[in-house]
Every structure is written in structure tokens, then in C-alpha cells.
Amino acid sequence: MVTVEKIGGTSMSQFKDVLKNIIIGKRDANQLYNRLIVVSAYAGVTDTLLENKTTKLQGIYSKFKEQAFYKTFVDKLLIQLKNINRQFAEIGLNVIEADIFISNRIKQTLIYLDNLNEVMASGYVSKADILMAAREILASVGEAHSAYNTVNILKNNNINAVFMDLCGYNDSDYLTIDERIRKALLNVDISKELPIVTGYAKGVEGIMRVFDRGYSEITFSKIVSIIKPDEAIIYKETHLTSADYKIVGKENALPIGETNYDVADQLADVGMQAIHPKASKPIELEGIPLRIKNTFDTENPGTLITKKYKSEIPKVEIITGTDKVVIIEIQQTMMIGEIGFDLNIMKVFYNHNISYIVKSTAANSISLVIWEKEFSQQLIDDLYRYAENVIVEKVALVCIIGSNLFKKGILADAAKILGDNDINIEAISQSLKQVNIQIVVKREMYETAIKLLNSVFFQNNN
């Protein structure tokens, strides 16, 4: 059996568990191979290189963009990476070799950045292109660091690992990402070697330009599409469960044994990514099963995601959502029967590069739920070209998801438990396909709504 596997950054930071549970596990010497492992940067490293996704704290990229003292921050990064190296000495990392590798990589990175800075300062080249190149270069550092360390540790544990560096440092090959991957694969024999692959891959199209921070899963996806393994596996620090255990409690969050890619897309739509949606599509189209496993509970088979799966028994599989959205209602008494009114509204959202999550309509109004981070006053001003009134409210979205929701009473049960607890449904959406019931509630009622719905559909034996 051939597998392509990906290990996330939080898991990589606890590499002792990765070594024990994932790479070795209960395998004998012969079972260590016929695998290819894509690794992310250690937790927090990409935040330092680019920016913190949660806190928005600036990283080295922002300092370079501002033409500030980025070199000082690069020096601090090297100290951070060397400190990480020392954490893995006890499990086999040759710290001296690892420090030399990352020092050289950082030195080369600074050369690239300095050259780009000079070109940018000249004013002869598009600043946007220079900044994107800098972002690509910086992003690659974290994955190169973790991949090299992994190979070093594995070799010192008598595992024939090979470093598959897709970062493209010190080469001027004008290759697409796919071409670079195919070229690298020519040099490995997975039946006898265990390739450890950088989650970043250099290509003429620019992986950051298209996918930004989701790039490591894109690299993983592209390798899966090229190799066509029996199974693709992503290791995360938690199971994919029926609800967020941080909200409902671990005892009430049930692992999901099997689902389909459609459900995975529904999760991604509200930010609960089993896999980046642009990464899942090629795998889905190839018909390759994807398994989500817990790094710290590998005895559990995890969640198997396939194209054709549909629960034989209609049931709810997941209760999820987000409280980081706003609802925008466009009101216009003249819209009834006006062909193209909806099209004009959609063009406004298109011009602002915004994709809505939920859409609900009435005769004289259209309600759309979007991510709060995408909201702007300019959007509202532009909508007023077509509306008498525009209302905006900070809300939460709760989703009832399953591969087969064709069961009478699911919506009724949800509405009843929410109503009985004084939670009003502000808006609602359900398509004919019946894989996702989307319910908008007041933001302050989000966690309560998740707990209530979880209790109805899971704790009471859905």
C-alpha cells in the first residue's frame, strides 16, 4: 500500500510523538517505506516569517514590505530556529549539522531579500511583484528547516530518509510546481527510501500568489495527484469530530468515522478545514480516499473521506459554524419581479472580491452572510446604489451537516431546541441536496446554540 501523508505544524513541534506514532508506530522495517511525507513548518515559525493569522502581529515580511530593519528580525528568527533545534537533540537530531543547514539557508535568504530590496528601491519593477517574491522566499524557510531536521533525525534512527527540497534555492530552473515535483520524484525510490518533502514548493506560477497560507496542503495535493497513492493521509492534533470539543466538551465530541468530500467542502466554507478546498478538489477528482488522523491517537482509524460515501441511515454528522460573520440585508421595495436585480447585487460583491457563505431571499430583500474581515463601509456604500436600505449585523452561523440529511424532523428538532431556549433564527438556508442546514443566530448565542444542537443530535443518540 502506497500513501502520501502530511503532518501539520503543531504536530511537527511535538516531533517525539510524530516519530513514535506516525513514522515508526507498529511498523516493522519493511513497512517504513512506500510512503512520502510532506511536512509543515514548526508551529509559530511561519507566523514569524510572514504574519500571525490570528493576532495579525507583523512578521519579517511586513518589515521588508515597509523597508524597515528586517535584517534584525531575520537574525532573531535564526536564534528562534536554533532554539527549536536544541529541543530535538534527545531524539536524534545532530544539532551542529542542523544549525549549519539553517544558518546557510538564512544567509541565502538575506541575500535574496537584499537584492529584491535594491530592485524595489530602484522603482523600475512592480513593487507588488517584488513583494510577492519576498513572500515566497520567506515562506519556504520554515518548511526547509523542519524537513531537513526530520531527515536528520530519521537517519540517526536508522531510517533511510531523503530530503526532498522543493524550495528551489540556488537553482534557476524555470519550472511549474508540478514540473518541479515530477523532477524531484525521479531521484527517489519510495520502496527503499522515505522522502520527507518541504510543504513549500517553488514554481513559476507562485504557490503563495494563488494559495497564500494554504500552500503546504496544495503541495501535498499535487503530489497525491501525481503519485496516485492508495490513500492520502493528513495528521492533525485533534480528531475530526461531531462538534468543537472546546465548546461541547471532549466527552460530547464524537470522532467521525467516514464522510465525503461534499461534507469536507461544507466544513471549509465556515473555516473548519479538514483540508483546504482547493487542495481537496484534485484528490477528489482522482477518486483517492483521504484520511484525517490524530497525531496523538494513531490507533484510531480517524475519518475516511471519499467521493462516493453517503450514509445509509439519514443522520446529522457534524454541528459546526462560526461567530466571525456579519449578515447584510439589502432592502428594495421595487426589486419584486425585477429581472437582474440579484445580478447587480452579486456584481458589487464580485467587485469587492467577496464570496458569500449564506444567501436568503424574500420578495423585497436579500440577506447575505459574509466573513466579518471582508466587510467594509465601501461595500455598503456601493450596495446603496441599488437599495433603499442596507442593514448590517454581527451574527453567528450554525451549521447542521451530514452526507445524508434526508430525514424528516431534523430542521424541526433544531428549531424547537433553539426556540425553547429563547434563541431566535435570524435567517436560514438549506439546499435541495440537503447536506447543510445553515442557521443564523445572534452572535452572543453562538456557543449556546452549538451545545444545544449537539445535545439533540448526538448526546441523545442521533
Protein backbone atom coordinates (compact mmCIF):
# COMPACT_ATOMS: atom_id res chain seq x y z
CA MET A 1 0.00 0.00 0.00
CA VAL A 2 1.37 3.40 -1.05
CA THR A 3 0.45 6.52 0.93
CA VAL A 4 1.18 10.23 0.72
CA GLU A 5 1.00 11.82 4.16
CA LYS A 6 1.07 15.35 5.55
CA ILE A 7 1.98 16.44 9.06
CA GLY A 8 0.80 19.81 10.36
CA GLY A 9 2.91 22.38 12.15
CA THR A 10 1.51 21.85 15.64
CA SER A 11 2.24 18.14 15.34
CA MET A 12 5.73 18.79 13.96
CA SER A 13 6.54 20.82 17.06
CA GLN A 14 5.93 17.67 19.09
CA PHE A 15 8.15 15.55 16.87
CA LYS A 16 8.86 12.96 19.53
CA ASP A 17 5.21 11.92 19.20
CA VAL A 18 5.38 12.13 15.40
CA LEU A 19 8.39 9.80 15.38
CA LYS A 20 6.78 7.36 17.77
CA ASN A 21 3.20 7.39 16.47
CA ILE A 22 3.36 8.25 12.78
CA ILE A 23 6.71 7.45 11.26
CA ILE A 24 7.50 4.30 13.21
CA GLY A 25 4.33 3.25 15.03
CA LYS A 26 3.89 -0.50 14.97
CA ARG A 27 5.59 -0.88 11.61
CA ASP A 28 8.43 -3.30 11.03
CA ALA A 29 11.46 -2.22 8.99
CA ASN A 30 9.84 -3.10 5.64
CA GLN A 31 6.67 -1.13 6.38
CA LEU A 32 8.51 2.14 6.89
CA TYR A 33 8.61 2.78 3.15
CA ASN A 34 6.21 3.10 0.20
CA ARG A 35 5.27 6.40 1.80
CA LEU A 36 6.01 10.03 1.11
CA ILE A 37 5.64 12.59 3.91
CA VAL A 38 5.02 16.32 3.41
CA VAL A 39 5.87 18.44 6.44
CA SER A 40 4.79 21.90 7.56
CA ALA A 41 6.99 24.37 9.41
CA TYR A 42 7.08 24.06 13.18
CA ALA A 43 4.25 25.88 14.97
CA GLY A 44 4.72 29.63 15.02
CA VAL A 45 7.60 29.78 12.54
CA THR A 46 5.54 30.86 9.52
CA ASP A 47 3.87 33.46 11.74
CA THR A 48 7.32 34.90 12.44
CA LEU A 49 8.23 34.79 8.76
CA LEU A 50 5.00 36.30 7.40
CA GLU A 51 2.41 37.37 9.97
CA ASN A 52 0.29 35.85 12.71
CA LYS A 53 -3.04 34.82 11.15
CA THR A 54 -4.91 35.23 14.42
CA THR A 55 -3.38 38.26 16.12
CA LYS A 56 -2.23 39.96 12.86
CA LEU A 57 1.13 40.59 14.53
CA GLN A 58 3.62 41.55 11.83
CA GLY A 59 6.38 39.20 10.77
CA ILE A 60 9.57 39.64 8.73
CA TYR A 61 7.58 40.04 5.52
CA SER A 62 5.83 43.11 6.89
CA LYS A 63 9.16 44.63 7.92
CA PHE A 64 10.54 44.02 4.43
CA LYS A 65 7.40 45.49 2.89
CA GLU A 66 7.88 48.64 4.95
CA GLN A 67 11.61 48.62 4.08
CA ALA A 68 12.27 48.66 7.81
CA PHE A 69 15.06 46.91 9.70
CA TYR A 70 14.13 43.43 8.51
CA LYS A 71 17.69 42.12 8.94
CA THR A 72 17.40 42.46 12.71
CA PHE A 73 14.26 40.34 12.65
CA VAL A 74 15.93 37.74 10.42
CA ASP A 75 18.73 37.47 12.99
CA LYS A 76 16.13 36.90 15.71
CA LEU A 77 14.48 34.25 13.54
CA LEU A 78 17.76 32.34 13.27
CA ILE A 79 18.03 32.29 17.06
CA GLN A 80 14.43 31.03 17.27
CA LEU A 81 15.13 28.22 14.77
CA LYS A 82 18.32 27.17 16.53
CA ASN A 83 16.43 27.02 19.82
CA ILE A 84 13.93 24.71 18.15
CA ASN A 85 16.81 22.52 17.00
CA ARG A 86 18.00 22.02 20.55
CA GLN A 87 14.58 20.65 21.53
CA PHE A 88 15.11 17.61 19.31
CA ALA A 89 18.63 16.62 20.35
CA GLU A 90 17.31 13.87 22.63
CA ILE A 91 15.55 12.08 19.77
CA GLY A 92 18.48 12.07 17.39
CA LEU A 93 18.90 15.48 15.78
CA ASN A 94 22.52 16.39 15.17
CA VAL A 95 22.18 19.97 16.37
CA ILE A 96 25.50 21.13 14.91
CA GLU A 97 24.55 19.91 11.42
CA ALA A 98 21.04 21.33 11.76
CA ASP A 99 22.38 24.71 12.85
CA ILE A 100 24.78 24.82 9.90
CA PHE A 101 21.97 23.99 7.47
CA ILE A 102 19.56 26.62 8.71
CA SER A 103 22.31 29.24 9.08
CA ASN A 104 23.22 28.77 5.41
CA ARG A 105 19.58 28.88 4.38
CA ILE A 106 19.03 32.11 6.33
CA LYS A 107 22.21 33.60 4.86
CA GLN A 108 20.95 32.87 1.34
CA THR A 109 17.53 34.25 2.23
CA LEU A 110 19.08 37.54 3.32
CA ILE A 111 20.99 37.76 0.04
CA TYR A 112 17.76 37.28 -1.89
CA LEU A 113 15.91 39.85 0.23
CA ASP A 114 18.70 42.41 -0.05
CA ASN A 115 18.74 42.02 -3.84
CA LEU A 116 14.97 42.35 -4.03
CA ASN A 117 15.09 45.41 -1.78
CA GLU A 118 17.56 47.12 -4.10
CA VAL A 119 15.45 46.35 -7.15
CA MET A 120 12.30 47.58 -5.39
CA ALA A 121 14.03 50.79 -4.34
CA SER A 122 15.05 51.45 -7.95
CA GLY A 123 11.42 51.87 -8.99
CA TYR A 124 11.92 50.03 -12.28
CA VAL A 125 9.97 46.89 -11.34
CA SER A 126 6.47 46.42 -10.00
CA LYS A 127 6.56 46.64 -6.21
CA ALA A 128 3.74 44.10 -5.96
CA ASP A 129 5.77 41.50 -7.86
CA ILE A 130 8.84 42.10 -5.71
CA LEU A 131 6.81 41.77 -2.51
CA MET A 132 5.22 38.54 -3.70
CA ALA A 133 8.67 37.12 -4.50
CA ALA A 134 9.83 38.07 -0.99
CA ARG A 135 6.77 36.38 0.50
CA GLU A 136 7.53 33.21 -1.46
CA ILE A 137 11.16 33.17 -0.33
CA LEU A 138 10.31 33.73 3.32
CA ALA A 139 7.53 31.13 3.34
CA SER A 140 9.94 28.45 2.14
CA VAL A 141 12.33 28.81 5.09
CA GLY A 142 10.11 27.18 7.71
CA GLU A 143 9.39 24.03 5.70
CA ALA A 144 13.03 23.63 4.67
CA HIS A 145 14.01 23.82 8.34
CA SER A 146 11.51 21.20 9.55
CA ALA A 147 12.06 18.85 6.58
CA TYR A 148 15.86 18.88 6.94
CA ASN A 149 15.60 18.24 10.68
CA THR A 150 13.18 15.38 10.11
CA VAL A 151 15.55 13.66 7.69
CA ASN A 152 18.48 14.18 10.04
CA ILE A 153 16.56 12.66 12.96
CA LEU A 154 15.30 9.71 10.93
CA LYS A 155 18.73 8.86 9.55
CA ASN A 156 20.11 8.88 13.08
CA ASN A 157 17.32 6.45 13.99
CA ASN A 158 18.39 4.07 11.17
CA ILE A 159 15.58 5.04 8.79
CA ASN A 160 16.59 5.65 5.18
CA ALA A 161 15.02 9.08 4.81
CA VAL A 162 15.78 11.51 1.98
CA PHE A 163 15.38 15.28 1.89
CA MET A 164 13.07 16.27 -0.98
CA ASP A 165 13.63 20.02 -1.06
CA LEU A 166 11.13 21.72 -3.36
CA CYS A 167 12.12 25.24 -2.27
CA GLY A 168 14.37 25.77 -5.29
CA TYR A 169 17.20 27.61 -3.53
CA ASN A 170 20.33 28.07 -5.63
CA ASP A 171 18.66 26.92 -8.83
CA SER A 172 17.28 28.96 -11.71
CA ASP A 173 15.11 26.21 -13.18
CA TYR A 174 12.07 27.83 -14.76
CA LEU A 175 9.62 25.13 -13.70
CA THR A 176 5.98 24.96 -12.74
CA ILE A 177 5.23 23.45 -9.34
CA ASP A 178 4.10 20.20 -10.97
CA GLU A 179 7.26 20.03 -13.06
CA ARG A 180 9.45 20.60 -10.00
CA ILE A 181 7.68 17.83 -8.09
CA ARG A 182 7.95 15.38 -11.00
CA LYS A 183 11.65 16.17 -11.41
CA ALA A 184 12.29 15.61 -7.69
CA LEU A 185 10.41 12.31 -7.73
CA LEU A 186 12.74 10.96 -10.41
CA ASN A 187 15.51 10.87 -7.81
CA VAL A 188 13.75 8.80 -5.15
CA ASP A 189 12.73 5.17 -4.79
CA ILE A 190 9.89 5.10 -2.27
CA SER A 191 10.13 1.33 -1.95
CA LYS A 192 13.53 1.75 -0.28
CA GLU A 193 13.58 5.40 0.81
CA LEU A 194 11.30 7.61 2.85
CA PRO A 195 11.09 11.04 1.16
CA ILE A 196 10.48 13.95 3.53
CA VAL A 197 9.10 16.80 1.43
CA THR A 198 9.01 20.53 2.08
CA GLY A 199 5.45 21.84 2.32
CA TYR A 200 6.55 24.79 0.22
CA ALA A 201 7.16 24.22 -3.50
CA LYS A 202 8.72 26.79 -5.82
CA GLY A 203 7.08 27.30 -9.19
CA VAL A 204 6.80 29.95 -11.89
CA GLU A 205 3.12 30.44 -11.07
CA GLY A 206 3.94 31.19 -7.41
CA ILE A 207 2.27 28.96 -4.85
CA MET A 208 1.77 31.88 -2.46
CA ARG A 209 0.32 34.04 -5.21
CA VAL A 210 -2.51 31.55 -5.72
CA PHE A 211 -2.96 29.88 -2.33
CA ASP A 212 -1.14 32.05 0.23
CA ARG A 213 -1.01 30.35 3.67
CA GLY A 214 -2.73 27.19 2.41
CA TYR A 215 0.31 26.28 0.32
CA SER A 216 1.52 23.18 2.20
CA GLU A 217 -1.76 21.37 1.59
CA ILE A 218 -1.56 22.37 -2.08
CA THR A 219 1.91 20.80 -2.33
CA PHE A 220 0.50 17.71 -0.64
CA SER A 221 -2.45 17.65 -3.05
CA LYS A 222 -0.26 18.00 -6.12
CA ILE A 223 1.97 15.12 -5.00
CA VAL A 224 -1.09 12.97 -4.36
CA SER A 225 -2.40 13.74 -7.85
CA ILE A 226 0.93 12.83 -9.43
CA ILE A 227 1.69 9.66 -7.45
CA LYS A 228 -1.93 8.49 -7.16
CA PRO A 229 -1.40 6.58 -3.89
CA ASP A 230 -3.83 4.11 -2.39
CA GLU A 231 -4.62 6.65 0.29
CA ALA A 232 -3.78 10.23 1.25
CA ILE A 233 -3.44 10.99 4.96
CA ILE A 234 -3.40 14.27 6.89
CA TYR A 235 -2.30 14.24 10.53
CA LYS A 236 -3.74 16.90 12.82
CA GLU A 237 -3.55 17.47 16.56
CA THR A 238 -7.21 16.50 17.05
CA HIS A 239 -9.77 14.15 15.53
CA LEU A 240 -12.40 15.42 13.12
CA THR A 241 -15.36 15.34 15.48
CA SER A 242 -19.11 15.92 15.58
CA ALA A 243 -18.59 19.32 17.22
CA ASP A 244 -15.81 21.52 18.57
CA TYR A 245 -14.69 19.84 21.78
CA LYS A 246 -13.64 23.23 23.16
CA ILE A 247 -17.32 24.18 23.14
CA VAL A 248 -19.19 20.95 23.90
CA GLY A 249 -16.52 19.13 25.93
CA LYS A 250 -14.33 16.23 24.81
CA GLU A 251 -16.80 13.66 26.12
CA ASN A 252 -19.51 15.09 23.83
CA ALA A 253 -17.41 15.47 20.66
CA LEU A 254 -17.62 12.18 18.78
CA PRO A 255 -15.00 11.17 16.17
CA ILE A 256 -16.44 10.93 12.66
CA GLY A 257 -15.60 7.59 11.10
CA GLU A 258 -16.49 8.28 7.48
CA THR A 259 -17.87 11.07 5.31
CA ASN A 260 -17.49 12.53 1.82
CA TYR A 261 -15.77 15.40 0.06
CA ASP A 262 -19.02 17.36 -0.12
CA VAL A 263 -19.14 17.46 3.68
CA ALA A 264 -15.46 18.49 3.74
CA ASP A 265 -16.36 21.43 1.49
CA GLN A 266 -19.19 22.46 3.81
CA LEU A 267 -16.72 22.50 6.71
CA ALA A 268 -14.19 24.55 4.78
CA ASP A 269 -16.89 27.07 3.91
CA VAL A 270 -17.16 28.04 7.59
CA GLY A 271 -13.44 27.83 8.33
CA MET A 272 -13.38 24.33 9.86
CA GLN A 273 -10.97 22.87 7.35
CA ALA A 274 -10.36 19.16 7.18
CA ILE A 275 -8.37 20.17 4.11
CA HIS A 276 -8.04 23.37 2.08
CA PRO A 277 -10.88 23.22 -0.52
CA LYS A 278 -8.52 23.99 -3.40
CA ALA A 279 -6.34 21.12 -2.22
CA SER A 280 -9.18 18.65 -1.88
CA LYS A 281 -10.55 19.04 -5.41
CA PRO A 282 -7.70 17.34 -7.33
CA ILE A 283 -7.69 14.47 -4.82
CA GLU A 284 -11.45 14.14 -5.06
CA LEU A 285 -11.42 14.16 -8.87
CA GLU A 286 -8.80 11.42 -8.89
CA GLY A 287 -11.08 9.35 -6.64
CA ILE A 288 -8.36 8.95 -3.99
CA PRO A 289 -9.52 8.37 -0.39
CA LEU A 290 -8.37 10.98 2.14
CA ARG A 291 -7.96 10.07 5.79
CA ILE A 292 -7.77 12.62 8.63
CA LYS A 293 -5.95 11.20 11.66
CA ASN A 294 -4.95 12.40 15.11
CA THR A 295 -1.19 12.53 15.61
CA PHE A 296 -1.59 11.58 19.25
CA ASP A 297 -4.14 8.79 18.74
CA THR A 298 -3.00 6.92 15.66
CA GLU A 299 -4.58 3.66 16.82
CA ASN A 300 -7.89 5.28 15.94
CA PRO A 301 -8.50 4.95 12.17
CA GLY A 302 -9.64 8.57 12.02
CA THR A 303 -12.03 9.95 9.42
CA LEU A 304 -12.07 8.49 5.91
CA ILE A 305 -13.27 10.96 3.27
CA THR A 306 -14.30 9.52 -0.09
CA LYS A 307 -16.12 10.79 -3.16
CA LYS A 308 -18.98 8.29 -3.15
CA TYR A 309 -19.71 7.87 0.55
CA LYS A 310 -23.26 8.58 1.65
CA SER A 311 -24.56 7.45 4.99
CA GLU A 312 -27.06 4.61 4.56
CA ILE A 313 -29.03 5.96 7.50
CA PRO A 314 -30.04 9.64 7.24
CA LYS A 315 -28.36 11.46 10.10
CA VAL A 316 -26.52 14.53 11.27
CA GLU A 317 -22.73 14.07 11.24
CA ILE A 318 -21.38 17.45 12.37
CA ILE A 319 -22.56 20.55 14.20
CA THR A 320 -20.24 23.46 13.47
CA GLY A 321 -20.20 27.11 12.47
CA THR A 322 -18.53 30.41 13.17
CA ASP A 323 -19.14 33.60 15.11
CA LYS A 324 -16.92 35.71 12.86
CA VAL A 325 -19.51 36.69 10.28
CA VAL A 326 -21.89 39.53 9.52
CA ILE A 327 -25.27 39.47 7.80
CA ILE A 328 -26.02 42.15 5.23
CA GLU A 329 -29.62 42.67 4.24
CA ILE A 330 -30.34 44.66 1.06
CA GLN A 331 -33.89 46.04 1.08
CA GLN A 332 -35.64 47.42 -2.00
CA THR A 333 -39.44 47.57 -2.45
CA MET A 334 -39.05 47.71 -6.25
CA MET A 335 -36.99 44.52 -6.56
CA ILE A 336 -40.00 42.18 -6.76
CA GLY A 337 -40.16 40.78 -10.27
CA GLU A 338 -37.22 42.91 -11.43
CA ILE A 339 -35.06 40.67 -13.60
CA GLY A 340 -31.36 41.22 -12.92
CA PHE A 341 -31.69 42.91 -9.53
CA ASP A 342 -29.91 40.00 -7.86
CA LEU A 343 -27.25 40.10 -10.59
CA ASN A 344 -26.45 43.72 -9.81
CA ILE A 345 -26.03 42.91 -6.12
CA MET A 346 -23.75 39.99 -6.96
CA LYS A 347 -21.61 42.23 -9.15
CA VAL A 348 -21.00 44.52 -6.17
CA PHE A 349 -19.76 41.59 -4.10
CA TYR A 350 -17.68 40.36 -7.05
CA ASN A 351 -16.03 43.77 -7.43
CA HIS A 352 -15.09 43.61 -3.73
CA ASN A 353 -13.73 40.07 -4.17
CA ILE A 354 -16.21 38.70 -1.62
CA SER A 355 -17.84 35.28 -1.72
CA TYR A 356 -20.91 34.92 0.47
CA ILE A 357 -21.46 31.94 2.78
CA VAL A 358 -25.27 32.09 3.07
CA LYS A 359 -27.89 33.70 0.86
CA SER A 360 -31.54 34.05 1.82
CA THR A 361 -34.19 35.97 -0.12
CA ALA A 362 -37.67 37.41 0.26
CA ALA A 363 -39.84 39.43 -2.12
CA ASN A 364 -38.23 42.74 -1.23
CA SER A 365 -34.93 41.79 0.42
CA ILE A 366 -31.79 39.75 0.02
CA SER A 367 -29.73 38.66 3.04
CA LEU A 368 -26.12 37.56 2.66
CA VAL A 369 -23.72 36.28 5.29
CA ILE A 370 -20.04 37.08 4.74
CA TRP A 371 -16.86 36.94 6.80
CA GLU A 372 -16.58 39.97 9.05
CA LYS A 373 -12.97 40.51 7.99
CA GLU A 374 -14.19 41.14 4.41
CA PHE A 375 -16.73 43.77 5.41
CA SER A 376 -16.11 47.43 4.58
CA GLN A 377 -18.05 50.66 4.55
CA GLN A 378 -17.25 50.99 0.87
CA LEU A 379 -19.15 47.75 0.24
CA ILE A 380 -22.23 49.22 1.92
CA ASP A 381 -21.88 52.49 0.01
CA ASP A 382 -21.78 50.57 -3.27
CA LEU A 383 -24.82 48.47 -2.33
CA TYR A 384 -26.82 51.65 -1.74
CA ARG A 385 -26.72 52.25 -5.49
CA TYR A 386 -29.41 49.56 -5.72
CA ALA A 387 -31.01 49.55 -2.26
CA GLU A 388 -33.38 51.72 -0.29
CA ASN A 389 -31.84 50.44 2.90
CA VAL A 390 -28.92 48.21 3.92
CA ILE A 391 -28.81 46.62 7.36
CA VAL A 392 -25.64 45.09 8.80
CA GLU A 393 -25.48 42.97 11.96
CA LYS A 394 -22.72 40.98 13.61
CA VAL A 395 -24.06 37.44 13.86
CA ALA A 396 -23.07 33.80 14.14
CA LEU A 397 -23.67 30.92 11.76
CA VAL A 398 -24.51 27.43 13.00
CA CYS A 399 -24.44 24.53 10.54
CA ILE A 400 -26.05 21.10 10.71
CA ILE A 401 -24.06 18.96 8.28
CA GLY A 402 -24.26 15.40 7.02
CA SER A 403 -23.75 13.34 3.87
CA ASN A 404 -27.43 12.35 4.06
CA LEU A 405 -29.87 14.67 5.83
CA PHE A 406 -32.95 13.26 4.09
CA LYS A 407 -34.73 12.68 7.36
CA LYS A 408 -37.97 14.25 8.47
CA GLY A 409 -37.79 16.39 11.54
CA ILE A 410 -34.12 17.48 11.56
CA LEU A 411 -34.96 21.12 10.95
CA ALA A 412 -37.97 20.91 13.26
CA ASP A 413 -35.87 19.45 16.08
CA ALA A 414 -33.26 22.16 15.60
CA ALA A 415 -35.81 24.96 15.57
CA LYS A 416 -37.58 23.58 18.64
CA ILE A 417 -34.48 23.27 20.85
CA LEU A 418 -33.33 26.77 19.86
CA GLY A 419 -36.79 28.27 20.36
CA ASP A 420 -37.27 26.55 23.69
CA ASN A 421 -34.09 28.29 24.84
CA ASP A 422 -35.02 31.74 23.54
CA ILE A 423 -32.65 31.65 20.55
CA ASN A 424 -34.28 33.21 17.51
CA ILE A 425 -33.41 32.07 13.99
CA GLU A 426 -32.44 35.30 12.22
CA ALA A 427 -32.08 33.67 8.78
CA ILE A 428 -31.90 30.16 7.39
CA SER A 429 -30.76 28.31 4.26
CA GLN A 430 -30.97 24.72 3.04
CA SER A 431 -30.42 23.48 -0.50
CA LEU A 432 -32.27 20.64 -2.23
CA LYS A 433 -29.15 18.48 -1.89
CA GLN A 434 -29.66 18.51 1.88
CA VAL A 435 -26.11 18.26 3.19
CA ASN A 436 -26.07 21.51 5.18
CA ILE A 437 -28.72 23.42 7.12
CA GLN A 438 -27.34 26.90 7.82
CA ILE A 439 -28.90 28.83 10.68
CA VAL A 440 -28.06 32.44 11.53
CA VAL A 441 -28.37 33.42 15.21
CA LYS A 442 -27.33 36.36 17.37
CA ARG A 443 -23.58 36.30 17.87
CA GLU A 444 -23.77 36.07 21.65
CA MET A 445 -25.86 32.88 21.32
CA TYR A 446 -23.32 31.01 19.18
CA GLU A 447 -21.77 28.62 21.70
CA THR A 448 -25.11 28.00 23.40
CA ALA A 449 -26.65 27.09 20.04
CA ILE A 450 -23.80 24.66 19.27
CA LYS A 451 -24.20 22.96 22.65
CA LEU A 452 -27.98 22.69 22.29
CA LEU A 453 -27.87 21.23 18.79
CA ASN A 454 -25.09 18.85 19.76
CA SER A 455 -27.21 17.63 22.68
CA VAL A 456 -30.19 16.96 20.41
CA PHE A 457 -28.39 15.17 17.60
CA PHE A 458 -25.56 13.36 19.41
CA GLN A 459 -25.93 13.17 23.17
CA ASN A 460 -29.45 11.85 22.70
CA ASN A 461 -28.26 9.17 20.26
CA ASN A 462 -28.89 10.85 16.93
